[in-house]
Amino acid sequence: MPRKYRTIIIYFMVATMLIGTLFTGAAFWL
């Protein structure tokens, strides 16, 4: 269980970083 939650948290952090980078790029280009 804890390892599953840890992997989910890691994936969530990576997804948040990717979305933040995309939004930053969009704001930079717009």
C-alpha atoms as a PDB file:
ATOM      1  CA  MET A   1       0.000   0.000   0.000  1.00  0.00           C
ATOM      2  CA  PRO A   2       2.543   2.680   1.037  1.00  0.00           C
ATOM      3  CA  ARG A   3       4.701   1.980  -2.021  1.00  0.00           C
ATOM      4  CA  LYS A   4       1.632   2.314  -4.264  1.00  0.00           C
ATOM      5  CA  TYR A   5       0.785   5.659  -2.678  1.00  0.00           C
ATOM      6  CA  ARG A   6       4.405   6.759  -3.071  1.00  0.00           C
ATOM      7  CA  THR A   7       4.423   5.944  -6.795  1.00  0.00           C
ATOM      8  CA  ILE A   8       1.095   7.755  -7.226  1.00  0.00           C
ATOM      9  CA  ILE A   9       2.524  10.822  -5.449  1.00  0.00           C
ATOM     10  CA  ILE A  10       5.662  10.702  -7.629  1.00  0.00           C
ATOM     11  CA  TYR A  11       3.573  10.464 -10.813  1.00  0.00           C
ATOM     12  CA  PHE A  12       1.358  13.324  -9.565  1.00  0.00           C
ATOM     13  CA  MET A  13       4.423  15.503  -8.894  1.00  0.00           C
ATOM     14  CA  VAL A  14       5.870  14.749 -12.345  1.00  0.00           C
ATOM     15  CA  ALA A  15       2.522  15.495 -14.013  1.00  0.00           C
ATOM     16  CA  THR A  16       2.251  18.764 -12.069  1.00  0.00           C
ATOM     17  CA  MET A  17       5.764  19.751 -13.165  1.00  0.00           C
ATOM     18  CA  LEU A  18       4.965  18.954 -16.817  1.00  0.00           C
ATOM     19  CA  ILE A  19       1.668  20.901 -16.686  1.00  0.00           C
ATOM     20  CA  GLY A  20       3.432  23.844 -15.016  1.00  0.00           C
ATOM     21  CA  THR A  21       6.108  23.811 -17.712  1.00  0.00           C
ATOM     22  CA  LEU A  22       3.440  23.727 -20.442  1.00  0.00           C
ATOM     23  CA  PHE A  23       1.550  26.640 -18.857  1.00  0.00           C
ATOM     24  CA  THR A  24       4.790  28.611 -18.474  1.00  0.00           C
ATOM     25  CA  GLY A  25       5.643  27.976 -22.126  1.00  0.00           C
ATOM     26  CA  ALA A  26       2.134  29.000 -23.207  1.00  0.00           C
ATOM     27  CA  ALA A  27       2.333  32.193 -21.129  1.00  0.00           C
ATOM     28  CA  PHE A  28       5.772  32.913 -22.618  1.00  0.00           C
ATOM     29  CA  TRP A  29       4.560  32.415 -26.196  1.00  0.00           C
ATOM     30  CA  LEU A  30       1.252  34.273 -25.685  1.00  0.00           C
END
